[in-house]
Amino acid sequence: MTEKAAGMDASPAAIESSLNAFSSRLTGSPAQLKPGSILIRFTDSGEEYSIAMTNREARMASGAAPASPLVEVSGPSRVLLAIMNGTQEPRRAFMAGGIRVQGDLPYLEALLKESGLLECG
């Protein structure tokens, strides 16, 4: 199912492309990656993806990770894609109730800052 919201393609291919780009951004950032995963749940489609991390790289995978995630982020496709694509500031989406975050919030904040997706301040 493809959703067009605010000009954003939320097809599975677009989601996977954004998640792969986000994973690459994390791998290329100076952030210290913790072994574990980030679970990303798209509430409008019910799809789940995980970003599995080692100390050196992050990789996107379809479905939930086998172990409990370090961080779980959930929200509508259009909001999550806008954050990953850098067109929406994550802190504003969180404060407005557009996304829900559980787990190691300081770690997620550090990753987003180091990858350039969260403005410092």
PDB file of N, CA and C in Angstrom:
ATOM      1  N   MET A   1       0.843  -1.178   0.000  1.00  0.00           N
ATOM      2  CA  MET A   1       0.000   0.000   0.000  1.00  0.00           C
ATOM      3  C   MET A   1       0.887   1.239   0.000  1.00  0.00           C
ATOM      4  N   THR A   2       0.620   2.155  -0.879  1.00  0.00           N
ATOM      5  CA  THR A   2       1.392   3.388  -0.988  1.00  0.00           C
ATOM      6  C   THR A   2       0.577   4.546  -0.443  1.00  0.00           C
ATOM      7  N   GLU A   3       1.199   5.345   0.397  1.00  0.00           N
ATOM      8  CA  GLU A   3       0.538   6.505   0.976  1.00  0.00           C
ATOM      9  C   GLU A   3       1.259   7.747   0.495  1.00  0.00           C
ATOM     10  N   LYS A   4       0.501   8.725   0.005  1.00  0.00           N
ATOM     11  CA  LYS A   4       1.074  10.014  -0.344  1.00  0.00           C
ATOM     12  C   LYS A   4       0.562  11.019   0.675  1.00  0.00           C
ATOM     13  N   ALA A   5       1.446  11.492   1.510  1.00  0.00           N
ATOM     14  CA  ALA A   5       1.078  12.465   2.528  1.00  0.00           C
ATOM     15  C   ALA A   5       2.104  13.574   2.495  1.00  0.00           C
ATOM     16  N   ALA A   6       1.613  14.774   2.330  1.00  0.00           N
ATOM     17  CA  ALA A   6       2.487  15.946   2.257  1.00  0.00           C
ATOM     18  C   ALA A   6       3.586  15.722   1.226  1.00  0.00           C
ATOM     19  N   GLY A   7       3.228  15.087   0.103  1.00  0.00           N
ATOM     20  CA  GLY A   7       4.190  14.879  -0.972  1.00  0.00           C
ATOM     21  C   GLY A   7       5.216  13.803  -0.687  1.00  0.00           C
ATOM     22  N   MET A   8       5.003  12.986   0.348  1.00  0.00           N
ATOM     23  CA  MET A   8       5.987  11.982   0.737  1.00  0.00           C
ATOM     24  C   MET A   8       5.508  10.607   0.313  1.00  0.00           C
ATOM     25  N   ASP A   9       6.356   9.872  -0.389  1.00  0.00           N
ATOM     26  CA  ASP A   9       6.072   8.505  -0.782  1.00  0.00           C
ATOM     27  C   ASP A   9       6.396   7.597   0.389  1.00  0.00           C
ATOM     28  N   ALA A  10       5.378   6.904   0.916  1.00  0.00           N
ATOM     29  CA  ALA A  10       5.580   6.020   2.058  1.00  0.00           C
ATOM     30  C   ALA A  10       5.448   4.557   1.638  1.00  0.00           C
ATOM     31  N   SER A  11       5.836   4.255   0.415  1.00  0.00           N
ATOM     32  CA  SER A  11       5.803   2.870  -0.049  1.00  0.00           C
ATOM     33  C   SER A  11       6.888   2.079   0.672  1.00  0.00           C
ATOM     34  N   PRO A  12       6.764   0.750   0.714  1.00  0.00           N
ATOM     35  CA  PRO A  12       7.820  -0.048   1.340  1.00  0.00           C
ATOM     36  C   PRO A  12       9.203   0.235   0.741  1.00  0.00           C
ATOM     37  N   ALA A  13       9.278   0.448  -0.561  1.00  0.00           N
ATOM     38  CA  ALA A  13      10.572   0.745  -1.192  1.00  0.00           C
ATOM     39  C   ALA A  13      11.134   2.076  -0.689  1.00  0.00           C
ATOM     40  N   ALA A  14      10.274   3.080  -0.539  1.00  0.00           N
ATOM     41  CA  ALA A  14      10.731   4.390  -0.046  1.00  0.00           C
ATOM     42  C   ALA A  14      11.164   4.289   1.417  1.00  0.00           C
ATOM     43  N   ILE A  15      10.423   3.517   2.209  1.00  0.00           N
ATOM     44  CA  ILE A  15      10.771   3.325   3.617  1.00  0.00           C
ATOM     45  C   ILE A  15      12.131   2.648   3.725  1.00  0.00           C
ATOM     46  N   GLU A  16      12.309   1.560   2.969  1.00  0.00           N
ATOM     47  CA  GLU A  16      13.582   0.833   3.026  1.00  0.00           C
ATOM     48  C   GLU A  16      14.739   1.693   2.533  1.00  0.00           C
ATOM     49  N   SER A  17      14.501   2.494   1.508  1.00  0.00           N
ATOM     50  CA  SER A  17      15.544   3.390   1.001  1.00  0.00           C
ATOM     51  C   SER A  17      15.952   4.408   2.073  1.00  0.00           C
ATOM     52  N   SER A  18      14.970   5.003   2.753  1.00  0.00           N
ATOM     53  CA  SER A  18      15.259   5.974   3.814  1.00  0.00           C
ATOM     54  C   SER A  18      15.977   5.321   4.984  1.00  0.00           C
ATOM     55  N   LEU A  19      15.553   4.103   5.352  1.00  0.00           N
ATOM     56  CA  LEU A  19      16.204   3.399   6.451  1.00  0.00           C
ATOM     57  C   LEU A  19      17.637   3.004   6.105  1.00  0.00           C
ATOM     58  N   ASN A  20      17.867   2.593   4.864  1.00  0.00           N
ATOM     59  CA  ASN A  20      19.240   2.277   4.433  1.00  0.00           C
ATOM     60  C   ASN A  20      20.115   3.518   4.463  1.00  0.00           C
ATOM     61  N   ALA A  21      19.574   4.643   4.000  1.00  0.00           N
ATOM     62  CA  ALA A  21      20.335   5.903   4.020  1.00  0.00           C
ATOM     63  C   ALA A  21      20.625   6.322   5.459  1.00  0.00           C
ATOM     64  N   PHE A  22      19.637   6.164   6.351  1.00  0.00           N
ATOM     65  CA  PHE A  22      19.825   6.501   7.758  1.00  0.00           C
ATOM     66  C   PHE A  22      20.886   5.599   8.388  1.00  0.00           C
ATOM     67  N   SER A  23      20.844   4.308   8.070  1.00  0.00           N
ATOM     68  CA  SER A  23      21.853   3.366   8.576  1.00  0.00           C
ATOM     69  C   SER A  23      23.246   3.767   8.117  1.00  0.00           C
ATOM     70  N   SER A  24      23.371   4.135   6.842  1.00  0.00           N
ATOM     71  CA  SER A  24      24.666   4.575   6.306  1.00  0.00           C
ATOM     72  C   SER A  24      25.132   5.848   7.000  1.00  0.00           C
ATOM     73  N   ARG A  25      24.186   6.731   7.271  1.00  0.00           N
ATOM     74  CA  ARG A  25      24.522   7.985   7.960  1.00  0.00           C
ATOM     75  C   ARG A  25      25.067   7.695   9.350  1.00  0.00           C
ATOM     76  N   LEU A  26      24.443   6.721  10.038  1.00  0.00           N
ATOM     77  CA  LEU A  26      24.928   6.347  11.368  1.00  0.00           C
ATOM     78  C   LEU A  26      26.315   5.727  11.290  1.00  0.00           C
ATOM     79  N   THR A  27      26.520   4.851  10.312  1.00  0.00           N
ATOM     80  CA  THR A  27      27.817   4.196  10.145  1.00  0.00           C
ATOM     81  C   THR A  27      28.903   5.229   9.857  1.00  0.00           C
ATOM     82  N   GLY A  28      28.588   6.248   9.075  1.00  0.00           N
ATOM     83  CA  GLY A  28      29.567   7.266   8.708  1.00  0.00           C
ATOM     84  C   GLY A  28      29.736   8.372   9.721  1.00  0.00           C
ATOM     85  N   SER A  29      28.938   8.374  10.776  1.00  0.00           N
ATOM     86  CA  SER A  29      29.030   9.448  11.763  1.00  0.00           C
ATOM     87  C   SER A  29      30.100   9.117  12.802  1.00  0.00           C
ATOM     88  N   PRO A  30      30.558  10.124  13.530  1.00  0.00           N
ATOM     89  CA  PRO A  30      31.546   9.865  14.576  1.00  0.00           C
ATOM     90  C   PRO A  30      30.922   9.286  15.850  1.00  0.00           C
ATOM     91  N   ALA A  31      29.623   9.026  15.834  1.00  0.00           N
ATOM     92  CA  ALA A  31      28.932   8.512  17.025  1.00  0.00           C
ATOM     93  C   ALA A  31      29.465   7.141  17.420  1.00  0.00           C
ATOM     94  N   GLN A  32      29.505   6.900  18.713  1.00  0.00           N
ATOM     95  CA  GLN A  32      29.879   5.591  19.229  1.00  0.00           C
ATOM     96  C   GLN A  32      28.644   4.705  19.155  1.00  0.00           C
ATOM     97  N   LEU A  33      28.658   3.719  18.286  1.00  0.00           N
ATOM     98  CA  LEU A  33      27.526   2.819  18.159  1.00  0.00           C
ATOM     99  C   LEU A  33      27.601   1.737  19.228  1.00  0.00           C
ATOM    100  N   LYS A  34      26.493   1.493  19.878  1.00  0.00           N
ATOM    101  CA  LYS A  34      26.404   0.418  20.863  1.00  0.00           C
ATOM    102  C   LYS A  34      25.901  -0.835  20.151  1.00  0.00           C
ATOM    103  N   PRO A  35      26.424  -1.978  20.503  1.00  0.00           N
ATOM    104  CA  PRO A  35      25.841  -3.201  19.948  1.00  0.00           C
ATOM    105  C   PRO A  35      24.382  -3.321  20.396  1.00  0.00           C
ATOM    106  N   GLY A  36      23.515  -3.593  19.462  1.00  0.00           N
ATOM    107  CA  GLY A  36      22.091  -3.694  19.753  1.00  0.00           C
ATOM    108  C   GLY A  36      21.301  -3.214  18.560  1.00  0.00           C
ATOM    109  N   SER A  37      20.071  -2.805  18.792  1.00  0.00           N
ATOM    110  CA  SER A  37      19.243  -2.374  17.672  1.00  0.00           C
ATOM    111  C   SER A  37      18.321  -1.228  18.057  1.00  0.00           C
ATOM    112  N   ILE A  38      17.833  -0.589  17.007  1.00  0.00           N
ATOM    113  CA  ILE A  38      16.782   0.417  17.119  1.00  0.00           C
ATOM    114  C   ILE A  38      15.597  -0.170  16.369  1.00  0.00           C
ATOM    115  N   LEU A  39      14.455  -0.279  17.020  1.00  0.00           N
ATOM    116  CA  LEU A  39      13.236  -0.761  16.385  1.00  0.00           C
ATOM    117  C   LEU A  39      12.444   0.441  15.911  1.00  0.00           C
ATOM    118  N   ILE A  40      12.037   0.423  14.651  1.00  0.00           N
ATOM    119  CA  ILE A  40      11.233   1.510  14.091  1.00  0.00           C
ATOM    120  C   ILE A  40       9.903   0.903  13.656  1.00  0.00           C
ATOM    121  N   ARG A  41       8.838   1.375  14.290  1.00  0.00           N
ATOM    122  CA  ARG A  41       7.498   0.848  14.025  1.00  0.00           C
ATOM    123  C   ARG A  41       6.662   1.929  13.340  1.00  0.00           C
ATOM    124  N   PHE A  42       6.159   1.607  12.154  1.00  0.00           N
ATOM    125  CA  PHE A  42       5.302   2.522  11.399  1.00  0.00           C
ATOM    126  C   PHE A  42       3.856   2.229  11.800  1.00  0.00           C
ATOM    127  N   THR A  43       3.260   3.122  12.580  1.00  0.00           N
ATOM    128  CA  THR A  43       1.959   2.857  13.179  1.00  0.00           C
ATOM    129  C   THR A  43       0.822   2.810  12.166  1.00  0.00           C
ATOM    130  N   ASP A  44       0.957   3.505  11.048  1.00  0.00           N
ATOM    131  CA  ASP A  44      -0.131   3.511  10.073  1.00  0.00           C
ATOM    132  C   ASP A  44      -0.148   2.254   9.207  1.00  0.00           C
ATOM    133  N   SER A  45       0.981   1.629   9.001  1.00  0.00           N
ATOM    134  CA  SER A  45       1.031   0.430   8.164  1.00  0.00           C
ATOM    135  C   SER A  45       1.259  -0.846   8.974  1.00  0.00           C
ATOM    136  N   GLY A  46       1.699  -0.684  10.224  1.00  0.00           N
ATOM    137  CA  GLY A  46       1.995  -1.843  11.057  1.00  0.00           C
ATOM    138  C   GLY A  46       3.345  -2.472  10.748  1.00  0.00           C
ATOM    139  N   GLU A  47       4.090  -1.890   9.807  1.00  0.00           N
ATOM    140  CA  GLU A  47       5.402  -2.439   9.452  1.00  0.00           C
ATOM    141  C   GLU A  47       6.430  -2.115  10.525  1.00  0.00           C
ATOM    142  N   GLU A  48       7.365  -3.052  10.706  1.00  0.00           N
ATOM    143  CA  GLU A  48       8.461  -2.860  11.646  1.00  0.00           C
ATOM    144  C   GLU A  48       9.777  -3.125  10.939  1.00  0.00           C
ATOM    145  N   TYR A  49      10.743  -2.298  11.261  1.00  0.00           N
ATOM    146  CA  TYR A  49      12.093  -2.452  10.747  1.00  0.00           C
ATOM    147  C   TYR A  49      13.034  -2.277  11.923  1.00  0.00           C
ATOM    148  N   SER A  50      14.212  -2.821  11.792  1.00  0.00           N
ATOM    149  CA  SER A  50      15.203  -2.598  12.831  1.00  0.00           C
ATOM    150  C   SER A  50      16.518  -2.171  12.190  1.00  0.00           C
ATOM    151  N   ILE A  51      17.259  -1.422  12.943  1.00  0.00           N
ATOM    152  CA  ILE A  51      18.609  -1.055  12.545  1.00  0.00           C
ATOM    153  C   ILE A  51      19.516  -1.750  13.542  1.00  0.00           C
ATOM    154  N   ALA A  52      20.200  -2.782  13.057  1.00  0.00           N
ATOM    155  CA  ALA A  52      21.110  -3.557  13.898  1.00  0.00           C
ATOM    156  C   ALA A  52      22.467  -2.878  13.882  1.00  0.00           C
ATOM    157  N   MET A  53      23.044  -2.718  15.060  1.00  0.00           N
ATOM    158  CA  MET A  53      24.311  -2.003  15.174  1.00  0.00           C
ATOM    159  C   MET A  53      25.368  -2.861  15.844  1.00  0.00           C
ATOM    160  N   THR A  54      26.565  -2.723  15.335  1.00  0.00           N
ATOM    161  CA  THR A  54      27.742  -3.266  15.998  1.00  0.00           C
ATOM    162  C   THR A  54      28.544  -2.046  16.432  1.00  0.00           C
ATOM    163  N   ASN A  55      29.727  -2.238  16.923  1.00  0.00           N
ATOM    164  CA  ASN A  55      30.549  -1.080  17.310  1.00  0.00           C
ATOM    165  C   ASN A  55      30.959  -0.243  16.104  1.00  0.00           C
ATOM    166  N   ARG A  56      30.913  -0.823  14.895  1.00  0.00           N
ATOM    167  CA  ARG A  56      31.416  -0.127  13.713  1.00  0.00           C
ATOM    168  C   ARG A  56      30.389   0.205  12.644  1.00  0.00           C
ATOM    169  N   GLU A  57      29.266  -0.505  12.590  1.00  0.00           N
ATOM    170  CA  GLU A  57      28.320  -0.231  11.511  1.00  0.00           C
ATOM    171  C   GLU A  57      26.881  -0.454  11.939  1.00  0.00           C
ATOM    172  N   ALA A  58      25.975   0.131  11.147  1.00  0.00           N
ATOM    173  CA  ALA A  58      24.537  -0.010  11.354  1.00  0.00           C
ATOM    174  C   ALA A  58      23.938  -0.539  10.055  1.00  0.00           C
ATOM    175  N   ARG A  59      23.030  -1.504  10.178  1.00  0.00           N
ATOM    176  CA  ARG A  59      22.378  -2.099   9.002  1.00  0.00           C
ATOM    177  C   ARG A  59      20.881  -2.213   9.229  1.00  0.00           C
ATOM    178  N   MET A  60      20.123  -1.894   8.191  1.00  0.00           N
ATOM    179  CA  MET A  60      18.679  -1.998   8.236  1.00  0.00           C
ATOM    180  C   MET A  60      18.254  -3.435   7.974  1.00  0.00           C
ATOM    181  N   ALA A  61      17.223  -3.879   8.694  1.00  0.00           N
ATOM    182  CA  ALA A  61      16.635  -5.202   8.474  1.00  0.00           C
ATOM    183  C   ALA A  61      15.122  -5.077   8.588  1.00  0.00           C
ATOM    184  N   SER A  62      14.419  -5.846   7.792  1.00  0.00           N
ATOM    185  CA  SER A  62      12.969  -5.862   7.850  1.00  0.00           C
ATOM    186  C   SER A  62      12.530  -6.667   9.068  1.00  0.00           C
ATOM    187  N   GLY A  63      11.555  -6.181   9.796  1.00  0.00           N
ATOM    188  CA  GLY A  63      11.057  -6.887  10.972  1.00  0.00           C
ATOM    189  C   GLY A  63      11.796  -6.487  12.228  1.00  0.00           C
ATOM    190  N   ALA A  64      11.287  -6.967  13.330  1.00  0.00           N
ATOM    191  CA  ALA A  64      11.881  -6.656  14.630  1.00  0.00           C
ATOM    192  C   ALA A  64      13.158  -7.450  14.837  1.00  0.00           C
ATOM    193  N   ALA A  65      14.066  -6.898  15.598  1.00  0.00           N
ATOM    194  CA  ALA A  65      15.320  -7.578  15.939  1.00  0.00           C
ATOM    195  C   ALA A  65      15.017  -8.728  16.890  1.00  0.00           C
ATOM    196  N   PRO A  66      15.875  -9.756  16.904  1.00  0.00           N
ATOM    197  CA  PRO A  66      15.621 -10.903  17.766  1.00  0.00           C
ATOM    198  C   PRO A  66      15.710 -10.599  19.268  1.00  0.00           C
ATOM    199  N   ALA A  67      16.488  -9.611  19.648  1.00  0.00           N
ATOM    200  CA  ALA A  67      16.636  -9.244  21.067  1.00  0.00           C
ATOM    201  C   ALA A  67      15.900  -7.931  21.330  1.00  0.00           C
ATOM    202  N   SER A  68      15.707  -7.614  22.585  1.00  0.00           N
ATOM    203  CA  SER A  68      15.070  -6.340  22.948  1.00  0.00           C
ATOM    204  C   SER A  68      15.896  -5.184  22.397  1.00  0.00           C
ATOM    205  N   PRO A  69      15.236  -4.202  21.781  1.00  0.00           N
ATOM    206  CA  PRO A  69      15.982  -3.071  21.214  1.00  0.00           C
ATOM    207  C   PRO A  69      16.489  -2.118  22.283  1.00  0.00           C
ATOM    208  N   LEU A  70      17.554  -1.398  21.936  1.00  0.00           N
ATOM    209  CA  LEU A  70      18.047  -0.325  22.806  1.00  0.00           C
ATOM    210  C   LEU A  70      17.029   0.809  22.841  1.00  0.00           C
ATOM    211  N   VAL A  71      16.433   1.070  21.670  1.00  0.00           N
ATOM    212  CA  VAL A  71      15.470   2.156  21.510  1.00  0.00           C
ATOM    213  C   VAL A  71      14.357   1.668  20.590  1.00  0.00           C
ATOM    214  N   GLU A  72      13.139   2.089  20.884  1.00  0.00           N
ATOM    215  CA  GLU A  72      11.991   1.803  20.028  1.00  0.00           C
ATOM    216  C   GLU A  72      11.347   3.131  19.662  1.00  0.00           C
ATOM    217  N   VAL A  73      11.186   3.367  18.363  1.00  0.00           N
ATOM    218  CA  VAL A  73      10.578   4.602  17.876  1.00  0.00           C
ATOM    219  C   VAL A  73       9.346   4.212  17.070  1.00  0.00           C
ATOM    220  N   SER A  74       8.215   4.845  17.349  1.00  0.00           N
ATOM    221  CA  SER A  74       7.009   4.542  16.586  1.00  0.00           C
ATOM    222  C   SER A  74       6.291   5.825  16.212  1.00  0.00           C
ATOM    223  N   GLY A  75       5.652   5.772  15.043  1.00  0.00           N
ATOM    224  CA  GLY A  75       4.904   6.917  14.555  1.00  0.00           C
ATOM    225  C   GLY A  75       4.440   6.675  13.135  1.00  0.00           C
ATOM    226  N   PRO A  76       3.670   7.616  12.587  1.00  0.00           N
ATOM    227  CA  PRO A  76       3.195   7.477  11.215  1.00  0.00           C
ATOM    228  C   PRO A  76       4.347   7.568  10.207  1.00  0.00           C
ATOM    229  N   SER A  77       4.178   6.895   9.096  1.00  0.00           N
ATOM    230  CA  SER A  77       5.208   6.858   8.050  1.00  0.00           C
ATOM    231  C   SER A  77       5.683   8.244   7.649  1.00  0.00           C
ATOM    232  N   ARG A  78       4.757   9.150   7.396  1.00  0.00           N
ATOM    233  CA  ARG A  78       5.135  10.481   6.904  1.00  0.00           C
ATOM    234  C   ARG A  78       6.037  11.216   7.885  1.00  0.00           C
ATOM    235  N   VAL A  79       5.787  11.046   9.191  1.00  0.00           N
ATOM    236  CA  VAL A  79       6.595  11.725  10.208  1.00  0.00           C
ATOM    237  C   VAL A  79       7.976  11.068  10.313  1.00  0.00           C
ATOM    238  N   LEU A  80       8.000   9.740  10.413  1.00  0.00           N
ATOM    239  CA  LEU A  80       9.278   9.042  10.548  1.00  0.00           C
ATOM    240  C   LEU A  80      10.157   9.243   9.309  1.00  0.00           C
ATOM    241  N   LEU A  81       9.555   9.196   8.130  1.00  0.00           N
ATOM    242  CA  LEU A  81      10.338   9.422   6.909  1.00  0.00           C
ATOM    243  C   LEU A  81      10.873  10.849   6.844  1.00  0.00           C
ATOM    244  N   ALA A  82      10.057  11.819   7.245  1.00  0.00           N
ATOM    245  CA  ALA A  82      10.514  13.215   7.241  1.00  0.00           C
ATOM    246  C   ALA A  82      11.695  13.404   8.193  1.00  0.00           C
ATOM    247  N   ILE A  83      11.669  12.728   9.332  1.00  0.00           N
ATOM    248  CA  ILE A  83      12.791  12.818  10.272  1.00  0.00           C
ATOM    249  C   ILE A  83      14.039  12.190   9.658  1.00  0.00           C
ATOM    250  N   MET A  84      13.909  10.977   9.115  1.00  0.00           N
ATOM    251  CA  MET A  84      15.071  10.292   8.538  1.00  0.00           C
ATOM    252  C   MET A  84      15.627  11.014   7.320  1.00  0.00           C
ATOM    253  N   ASN A  85      14.752  11.719   6.587  1.00  0.00           N
ATOM    254  CA  ASN A  85      15.201  12.453   5.402  1.00  0.00           C
ATOM    255  C   ASN A  85      15.692  13.860   5.739  1.00  0.00           C
ATOM    256  N   GLY A  86      15.583  14.237   7.015  1.00  0.00           N
ATOM    257  CA  GLY A  86      16.092  15.535   7.448  1.00  0.00           C
ATOM    258  C   GLY A  86      15.171  16.704   7.189  1.00  0.00           C
ATOM    259  N   THR A  87      13.892  16.453   6.877  1.00  0.00           N
ATOM    260  CA  THR A  87      12.967  17.563   6.618  1.00  0.00           C
ATOM    261  C   THR A  87      12.091  17.902   7.819  1.00  0.00           C
ATOM    262  N   GLN A  88      12.169  17.109   8.890  1.00  0.00           N
ATOM    263  CA  GLN A  88      11.459  17.421  10.129  1.00  0.00           C
ATOM    264  C   GLN A  88      12.407  17.199  11.301  1.00  0.00           C
ATOM    265  N   GLU A  89      12.396  18.131  12.224  1.00  0.00           N
ATOM    266  CA  GLU A  89      13.267  18.057  13.395  1.00  0.00           C
ATOM    267  C   GLU A  89      12.684  17.046  14.380  1.00  0.00           C
ATOM    268  N   PRO A  90      13.455  16.040  14.779  1.00  0.00           N
ATOM    269  CA  PRO A  90      12.936  14.981  15.650  1.00  0.00           C
ATOM    270  C   PRO A  90      12.379  15.473  16.989  1.00  0.00           C
ATOM    271  N   ARG A  91      13.050  16.429  17.593  1.00  0.00           N
ATOM    272  CA  ARG A  91      12.604  16.915  18.905  1.00  0.00           C
ATOM    273  C   ARG A  91      11.210  17.535  18.806  1.00  0.00           C
ATOM    274  N   ARG A  92      10.958  18.279  17.735  1.00  0.00           N
ATOM    275  CA  ARG A  92       9.634  18.893  17.566  1.00  0.00           C
ATOM    276  C   ARG A  92       8.562  17.836  17.343  1.00  0.00           C
ATOM    277  N   ALA A  93       8.893  16.813  16.551  1.00  0.00           N
ATOM    278  CA  ALA A  93       7.930  15.730  16.309  1.00  0.00           C
ATOM    279  C   ALA A  93       7.608  15.001  17.611  1.00  0.00           C
ATOM    280  N   PHE A  94       8.616  14.783  18.429  1.00  0.00           N
ATOM    281  CA  PHE A  94       8.429  14.110  19.721  1.00  0.00           C
ATOM    282  C   PHE A  94       7.570  14.961  20.651  1.00  0.00           C
ATOM    283  N   MET A  95       7.909  16.237  20.785  1.00  0.00           N
ATOM    284  CA  MET A  95       7.184  17.135  21.691  1.00  0.00           C
ATOM    285  C   MET A  95       5.727  17.336  21.249  1.00  0.00           C
ATOM    286  N   ALA A  96       5.484  17.271  19.942  1.00  0.00           N
ATOM    287  CA  ALA A  96       4.128  17.445  19.416  1.00  0.00           C
ATOM    288  C   ALA A  96       3.317  16.153  19.476  1.00  0.00           C
ATOM    289  N   GLY A  97       3.944  15.075  19.924  1.00  0.00           N
ATOM    290  CA  GLY A  97       3.237  13.803  20.013  1.00  0.00           C
ATOM    291  C   GLY A  97       3.188  13.036  18.709  1.00  0.00           C
ATOM    292  N   GLY A  98       3.993  13.464  17.726  1.00  0.00           N
ATOM    293  CA  GLY A  98       3.996  12.804  16.420  1.00  0.00           C
ATOM    294  C   GLY A  98       4.736  11.485  16.420  1.00  0.00           C
ATOM    295  N   ILE A  99       5.674  11.322  17.355  1.00  0.00           N
ATOM    296  CA  ILE A  99       6.391  10.053  17.484  1.00  0.00           C
ATOM    297  C   ILE A  99       6.455   9.678  18.953  1.00  0.00           C
ATOM    298  N   ARG A 100       6.649   8.406  19.169  1.00  0.00           N
ATOM    299  CA  ARG A 100       6.797   7.895  20.527  1.00  0.00           C
ATOM    300  C   ARG A 100       8.143   7.192  20.614  1.00  0.00           C
ATOM    301  N   VAL A 101       8.866   7.432  21.697  1.00  0.00           N
ATOM    302  CA  VAL A 101      10.194   6.840  21.879  1.00  0.00           C
ATOM    303  C   VAL A 101      10.240   6.147  23.226  1.00  0.00           C
ATOM    304  N   GLN A 102      10.768   4.927  23.225  1.00  0.00           N
ATOM    305  CA  GLN A 102      10.974   4.180  24.461  1.00  0.00           C
ATOM    306  C   GLN A 102      12.400   3.665  24.468  1.00  0.00           C
ATOM    307  N   GLY A 103      12.981   3.581  25.655  1.00  0.00           N
ATOM    308  CA  GLY A 103      14.325   3.033  25.759  1.00  0.00           C
ATOM    309  C   GLY A 103      15.351   4.110  26.059  1.00  0.00           C
ATOM    310  N   ASP A 104      16.526   3.945  25.510  1.00  0.00           N
ATOM    311  CA  ASP A 104      17.675   4.799  25.796  1.00  0.00           C
ATOM    312  C   ASP A 104      17.602   6.099  24.987  1.00  0.00           C
ATOM    313  N   LEU A 105      16.798   7.026  25.468  1.00  0.00           N
ATOM    314  CA  LEU A 105      16.596   8.304  24.779  1.00  0.00           C
ATOM    315  C   LEU A 105      17.884   9.122  24.654  1.00  0.00           C
ATOM    316  N   PRO A 106      18.737   9.200  25.687  1.00  0.00           N
ATOM    317  CA  PRO A 106      19.996   9.944  25.527  1.00  0.00           C
ATOM    318  C   PRO A 106      20.874   9.360  24.406  1.00  0.00           C
ATOM    319  N   TYR A 107      20.878   8.040  24.269  1.00  0.00           N
ATOM    320  CA  TYR A 107      21.660   7.410  23.198  1.00  0.00           C
ATOM    321  C   TYR A 107      21.093   7.784  21.830  1.00  0.00           C
ATOM    322  N   LEU A 108      19.776   7.712  21.671  1.00  0.00           N
ATOM    323  CA  LEU A 108      19.151   8.086  20.398  1.00  0.00           C
ATOM    324  C   LEU A 108      19.436   9.550  20.082  1.00  0.00           C
ATOM    325  N   GLU A 109      19.335  10.408  21.083  1.00  0.00           N
ATOM    326  CA  GLU A 109      19.615  11.826  20.891  1.00  0.00           C
ATOM    327  C   GLU A 109      21.061  12.035  20.417  1.00  0.00           C
ATOM    328  N   ALA A 110      22.010  11.329  21.016  1.00  0.00           N
ATOM    329  CA  ALA A 110      23.415  11.442  20.607  1.00  0.00           C
ATOM    330  C   ALA A 110      23.602  10.969  19.164  1.00  0.00           C
ATOM    331  N   LEU A 111      22.955   9.865  18.793  1.00  0.00           N
ATOM    332  CA  LEU A 111      23.057   9.373  17.408  1.00  0.00           C
ATOM    333  C   LEU A 111      22.503  10.382  16.420  1.00  0.00           C
ATOM    334  N   LEU A 112      21.348  10.952  16.737  1.00  0.00           N
ATOM    335  CA  LEU A 112      20.726  11.917  15.836  1.00  0.00           C
ATOM    336  C   LEU A 112      21.565  13.195  15.704  1.00  0.00           C
ATOM    337  N   LYS A 113      22.158  13.633  16.811  1.00  0.00           N
ATOM    338  CA  LYS A 113      23.035  14.804  16.758  1.00  0.00           C
ATOM    339  C   LYS A 113      24.255  14.544  15.899  1.00  0.00           C
ATOM    340  N   GLU A 114      24.929  13.410  16.130  1.00  0.00           N
ATOM    341  CA  GLU A 114      26.132  13.088  15.392  1.00  0.00           C
ATOM    342  C   GLU A 114      25.881  12.842  13.907  1.00  0.00           C
ATOM    343  N   SER A 115      24.672  12.381  13.573  1.00  0.00           N
ATOM    344  CA  SER A 115      24.353  12.135  12.166  1.00  0.00           C
ATOM    345  C   SER A 115      23.782  13.374  11.483  1.00  0.00           C
ATOM    346  N   GLY A 116      23.655  14.473  12.237  1.00  0.00           N
ATOM    347  CA  GLY A 116      23.195  15.726  11.652  1.00  0.00           C
ATOM    348  C   GLY A 116      21.691  15.867  11.541  1.00  0.00           C
ATOM    349  N   LEU A 117      20.938  14.980  12.174  1.00  0.00           N
ATOM    350  CA  LEU A 117      19.477  15.032  12.083  1.00  0.00           C
ATOM    351  C   LEU A 117      18.828  15.759  13.244  1.00  0.00           C
ATOM    352  N   LEU A 118      19.601  16.100  14.267  1.00  0.00           N
ATOM    353  CA  LEU A 118      19.066  16.799  15.425  1.00  0.00           C
ATOM    354  C   LEU A 118      19.947  18.006  15.684  1.00  0.00           C
ATOM    355  N   GLU A 119      19.295  19.162  15.735  1.00  0.00           N
ATOM    356  CA  GLU A 119      20.041  20.386  16.022  1.00  0.00           C
ATOM    357  C   GLU A 119      20.413  20.428  17.482  1.00  0.00           C
ATOM    358  N   CYS A 120      21.609  20.848  17.770  1.00  0.00           N
ATOM    359  CA  CYS A 120      22.069  20.970  19.156  1.00  0.00           C
ATOM    360  C   CYS A 120      21.403  22.164  19.791  1.00  0.00           C
ATOM    361  N   GLY A 121      21.160  22.036  21.068  1.00  0.00           N
ATOM    362  CA  GLY A 121      20.646  23.205  21.771  1.00  0.00           C
ATOM    363  C   GLY A 121      19.530  22.961  22.640  1.00  0.00           C
TER     364      GLY A 121
END
